[in-house]
Amino acid sequence: MYKRLELHNHTNESDASCTCRELTELMADDQVDAFALTDHNTISGHKKIQAILEETHLPISFIPGMEYTTYYGHILCLNLKEYVPWENINKHKPELLFLAARAKGALVGIAHPFSYGWPFARVAGL
């Protein structure tokens, strides 16, 4: 069985123009089985989307997440239900942010691996 997933989405909680409601309705209209919200450096939209889903009973699953902006590129975290501070990231040890997010149960990876080149991958030990 195949599932339709959209795992990298932004709203106007960070740098996109659509609201949490618009994104949720778009995903449901497109018959996506599950979608993630991965706004930059914030989880402020999570509660909004959960409330929309409870109110509307749309047949779609929500995956909370976030996309961190770092010195070396963007780190995508899925299943991140609790905010992990990024403001004090150690630019010489970005793996500490990976470990902190993973400790909260998140699946962590580089969001745009070819946008920032190999320096980030080398520093992160990838």
C-alpha atoms as a PDB file:
ATOM      1  CA  MET A   1       0.000   0.000   0.000  1.00  0.00           C
ATOM      2  CA  TYR A   2       1.301   3.432  -0.943  1.00  0.00           C
ATOM      3  CA  LYS A   3       0.795   6.593   1.067  1.00  0.00           C
ATOM      4  CA  ARG A   4       0.952  10.130  -0.274  1.00  0.00           C
ATOM      5  CA  LEU A   5       3.127  12.262   2.013  1.00  0.00           C
ATOM      6  CA  GLU A   6       4.195  15.900   1.846  1.00  0.00           C
ATOM      7  CA  LEU A   7       7.066  16.233   4.290  1.00  0.00           C
ATOM      8  CA  HIS A   8       8.466  19.734   3.760  1.00  0.00           C
ATOM      9  CA  ASN A   9       5.916  22.543   4.035  1.00  0.00           C
ATOM     10  CA  HIS A  10       5.931  26.131   5.277  1.00  0.00           C
ATOM     11  CA  THR A  11       3.217  28.596   6.263  1.00  0.00           C
ATOM     12  CA  ASN A  12       3.091  32.283   7.104  1.00  0.00           C
ATOM     13  CA  GLU A  13       4.263  31.289  10.577  1.00  0.00           C
ATOM     14  CA  SER A  14       7.692  31.563   8.914  1.00  0.00           C
ATOM     15  CA  ASP A  15       8.427  32.342   5.266  1.00  0.00           C
ATOM     16  CA  ALA A  16       5.427  31.216   3.178  1.00  0.00           C
ATOM     17  CA  SER A  17       2.273  33.094   2.256  1.00  0.00           C
ATOM     18  CA  CYS A  18      -0.375  30.487   3.116  1.00  0.00           C
ATOM     19  CA  THR A  19      -1.942  30.137   6.538  1.00  0.00           C
ATOM     20  CA  CYS A  20      -2.060  26.927   8.545  1.00  0.00           C
ATOM     21  CA  ARG A  21      -5.710  26.501   7.534  1.00  0.00           C
ATOM     22  CA  GLU A  22      -4.948  27.044   3.843  1.00  0.00           C
ATOM     23  CA  LEU A  23      -2.116  24.505   3.916  1.00  0.00           C
ATOM     24  CA  THR A  24      -4.248  21.929   5.730  1.00  0.00           C
ATOM     25  CA  GLU A  25      -7.150  22.349   3.325  1.00  0.00           C
ATOM     26  CA  LEU A  26      -4.818  22.218   0.307  1.00  0.00           C
ATOM     27  CA  MET A  27      -3.319  18.944   1.534  1.00  0.00           C
ATOM     28  CA  ALA A  28      -6.758  17.453   2.146  1.00  0.00           C
ATOM     29  CA  ASP A  29      -8.061  18.634  -1.241  1.00  0.00           C
ATOM     30  CA  ASP A  30      -5.021  17.049  -2.891  1.00  0.00           C
ATOM     31  CA  GLN A  31      -5.846  13.775  -1.076  1.00  0.00           C
ATOM     32  CA  VAL A  32      -2.524  13.614   0.730  1.00  0.00           C
ATOM     33  CA  ASP A  33      -2.515  10.935   3.449  1.00  0.00           C
ATOM     34  CA  ALA A  34      -0.190  12.865   5.771  1.00  0.00           C
ATOM     35  CA  PHE A  35       1.742  16.122   5.740  1.00  0.00           C
ATOM     36  CA  ALA A  36       4.396  17.765   7.854  1.00  0.00           C
ATOM     37  CA  LEU A  37       4.677  21.378   8.898  1.00  0.00           C
ATOM     38  CA  THR A  38       8.350  22.359   8.843  1.00  0.00           C
ATOM     39  CA  ASP A  39       8.349  26.118   9.259  1.00  0.00           C
ATOM     40  CA  HIS A  40      11.731  27.759   9.750  1.00  0.00           C
ATOM     41  CA  ASN A  41      12.855  27.914  13.385  1.00  0.00           C
ATOM     42  CA  THR A  42       9.366  27.756  14.892  1.00  0.00           C
ATOM     43  CA  ILE A  43       6.715  25.243  15.893  1.00  0.00           C
ATOM     44  CA  SER A  44       4.046  27.918  16.370  1.00  0.00           C
ATOM     45  CA  GLY A  45       1.796  26.407  13.692  1.00  0.00           C
ATOM     46  CA  HIS A  46       1.566  22.940  15.255  1.00  0.00           C
ATOM     47  CA  LYS A  47      -1.280  23.745  17.654  1.00  0.00           C
ATOM     48  CA  LYS A  48      -3.118  25.666  14.954  1.00  0.00           C
ATOM     49  CA  ILE A  49      -3.065  22.721  12.544  1.00  0.00           C
ATOM     50  CA  GLN A  50      -4.049  20.269  15.290  1.00  0.00           C
ATOM     51  CA  ALA A  51      -7.015  22.506  16.181  1.00  0.00           C
ATOM     52  CA  ILE A  52      -8.048  22.751  12.515  1.00  0.00           C
ATOM     53  CA  LEU A  53      -7.955  18.965  12.156  1.00  0.00           C
ATOM     54  CA  GLU A  54      -9.988  18.466  15.339  1.00  0.00           C
ATOM     55  CA  GLU A  55     -12.548  21.037  14.166  1.00  0.00           C
ATOM     56  CA  THR A  56     -12.887  19.833  10.566  1.00  0.00           C
ATOM     57  CA  HIS A  57     -12.315  16.064  10.910  1.00  0.00           C
ATOM     58  CA  LEU A  58     -10.423  16.073   7.597  1.00  0.00           C
ATOM     59  CA  PRO A  59      -9.145  12.602   6.634  1.00  0.00           C
ATOM     60  CA  ILE A  60      -5.466  13.489   6.851  1.00  0.00           C
ATOM     61  CA  SER A  61      -2.644  12.935   9.333  1.00  0.00           C
ATOM     62  CA  PHE A  62      -0.346  15.656  10.613  1.00  0.00           C
ATOM     63  CA  ILE A  63       3.386  15.282  11.302  1.00  0.00           C
ATOM     64  CA  PRO A  64       4.838  18.081  13.438  1.00  0.00           C
ATOM     65  CA  GLY A  65       8.275  19.286  12.468  1.00  0.00           C
ATOM     66  CA  MET A  66      10.602  22.212  11.985  1.00  0.00           C
ATOM     67  CA  GLU A  67      13.361  23.339   9.638  1.00  0.00           C
ATOM     68  CA  TYR A  68      16.365  24.801  11.429  1.00  0.00           C
ATOM     69  CA  THR A  69      18.427  27.511   9.797  1.00  0.00           C
ATOM     70  CA  THR A  70      22.087  26.970  10.691  1.00  0.00           C
ATOM     71  CA  TYR A  71      25.482  28.332   9.718  1.00  0.00           C
ATOM     72  CA  TYR A  72      25.876  25.491   7.244  1.00  0.00           C
ATOM     73  CA  GLY A  73      22.392  25.026   5.810  1.00  0.00           C
ATOM     74  CA  HIS A  74      18.956  23.846   6.813  1.00  0.00           C
ATOM     75  CA  ILE A  75      18.233  20.857   9.049  1.00  0.00           C
ATOM     76  CA  LEU A  76      14.834  19.228   8.594  1.00  0.00           C
ATOM     77  CA  CYS A  77      13.276  17.584  11.659  1.00  0.00           C
ATOM     78  CA  LEU A  78      10.150  15.445  11.390  1.00  0.00           C
ATOM     79  CA  ASN A  79       8.132  14.265  14.381  1.00  0.00           C
ATOM     80  CA  LEU A  80       9.512  17.160  16.413  1.00  0.00           C
ATOM     81  CA  LYS A  81       6.758  17.807  18.926  1.00  0.00           C
ATOM     82  CA  GLU A  82       8.742  19.976  21.303  1.00  0.00           C
ATOM     83  CA  TYR A  83      10.811  23.036  20.464  1.00  0.00           C
ATOM     84  CA  VAL A  84      14.562  22.508  20.651  1.00  0.00           C
ATOM     85  CA  PRO A  85      16.434  25.828  20.916  1.00  0.00           C
ATOM     86  CA  TRP A  86      18.631  26.586  17.935  1.00  0.00           C
ATOM     87  CA  GLU A  87      19.672  30.141  18.776  1.00  0.00           C
ATOM     88  CA  ASN A  88      22.798  29.037  20.628  1.00  0.00           C
ATOM     89  CA  ILE A  89      23.936  26.497  18.055  1.00  0.00           C
ATOM     90  CA  ASN A  90      27.641  25.752  18.216  1.00  0.00           C
ATOM     91  CA  LYS A  91      28.854  26.513  14.695  1.00  0.00           C
ATOM     92  CA  HIS A  92      31.845  24.218  15.236  1.00  0.00           C
ATOM     93  CA  LYS A  93      29.684  21.269  16.385  1.00  0.00           C
ATOM     94  CA  PRO A  94      26.389  21.255  14.443  1.00  0.00           C
ATOM     95  CA  GLU A  95      25.944  17.593  15.328  1.00  0.00           C
ATOM     96  CA  LEU A  96      24.867  18.746  18.812  1.00  0.00           C
ATOM     97  CA  LEU A  97      21.665  20.119  17.281  1.00  0.00           C
ATOM     98  CA  PHE A  98      21.088  16.806  15.468  1.00  0.00           C
ATOM     99  CA  LEU A  99      21.529  14.942  18.752  1.00  0.00           C
ATOM    100  CA  ALA A 100      19.256  17.310  20.722  1.00  0.00           C
ATOM    101  CA  ALA A 101      16.442  16.965  18.160  1.00  0.00           C
ATOM    102  CA  ARG A 102      16.860  13.195  17.967  1.00  0.00           C
ATOM    103  CA  ALA A 103      16.665  13.025  21.769  1.00  0.00           C
ATOM    104  CA  LYS A 104      13.148  14.533  21.436  1.00  0.00           C
ATOM    105  CA  GLY A 105      12.146  11.769  19.007  1.00  0.00           C
ATOM    106  CA  ALA A 106      12.719  13.611  15.743  1.00  0.00           C
ATOM    107  CA  LEU A 107      13.913  12.168  12.469  1.00  0.00           C
ATOM    108  CA  VAL A 108      16.701  14.553  11.452  1.00  0.00           C
ATOM    109  CA  GLY A 109      18.331  15.225   8.092  1.00  0.00           C
ATOM    110  CA  ILE A 110      19.702  17.891   5.805  1.00  0.00           C
ATOM    111  CA  ALA A 111      16.846  19.700   4.040  1.00  0.00           C
ATOM    112  CA  HIS A 112      18.683  20.840   0.891  1.00  0.00           C
ATOM    113  CA  PRO A 113      21.831  18.706   0.706  1.00  0.00           C
ATOM    114  CA  PHE A 114      23.066  20.084  -2.602  1.00  0.00           C
ATOM    115  CA  SER A 115      22.263  23.733  -1.939  1.00  0.00           C
ATOM    116  CA  TYR A 116      25.086  24.245   0.527  1.00  0.00           C
ATOM    117  CA  GLY A 117      27.749  21.916  -0.790  1.00  0.00           C
ATOM    118  CA  TRP A 118      29.979  19.490   1.013  1.00  0.00           C
ATOM    119  CA  PRO A 119      31.289  21.645   3.886  1.00  0.00           C
ATOM    120  CA  PHE A 120      28.087  21.081   5.899  1.00  0.00           C
ATOM    121  CA  ALA A 121      28.112  17.365   5.213  1.00  0.00           C
ATOM    122  CA  ARG A 122      31.750  17.115   6.316  1.00  0.00           C
ATOM    123  CA  VAL A 123      31.158  19.093   9.526  1.00  0.00           C
ATOM    124  CA  ALA A 124      28.042  17.066  10.341  1.00  0.00           C
ATOM    125  CA  GLY A 125      29.959  13.832   9.781  1.00  0.00           C
ATOM    126  CA  LEU A 126      27.835  12.747   6.822  1.00  0.00           C
END
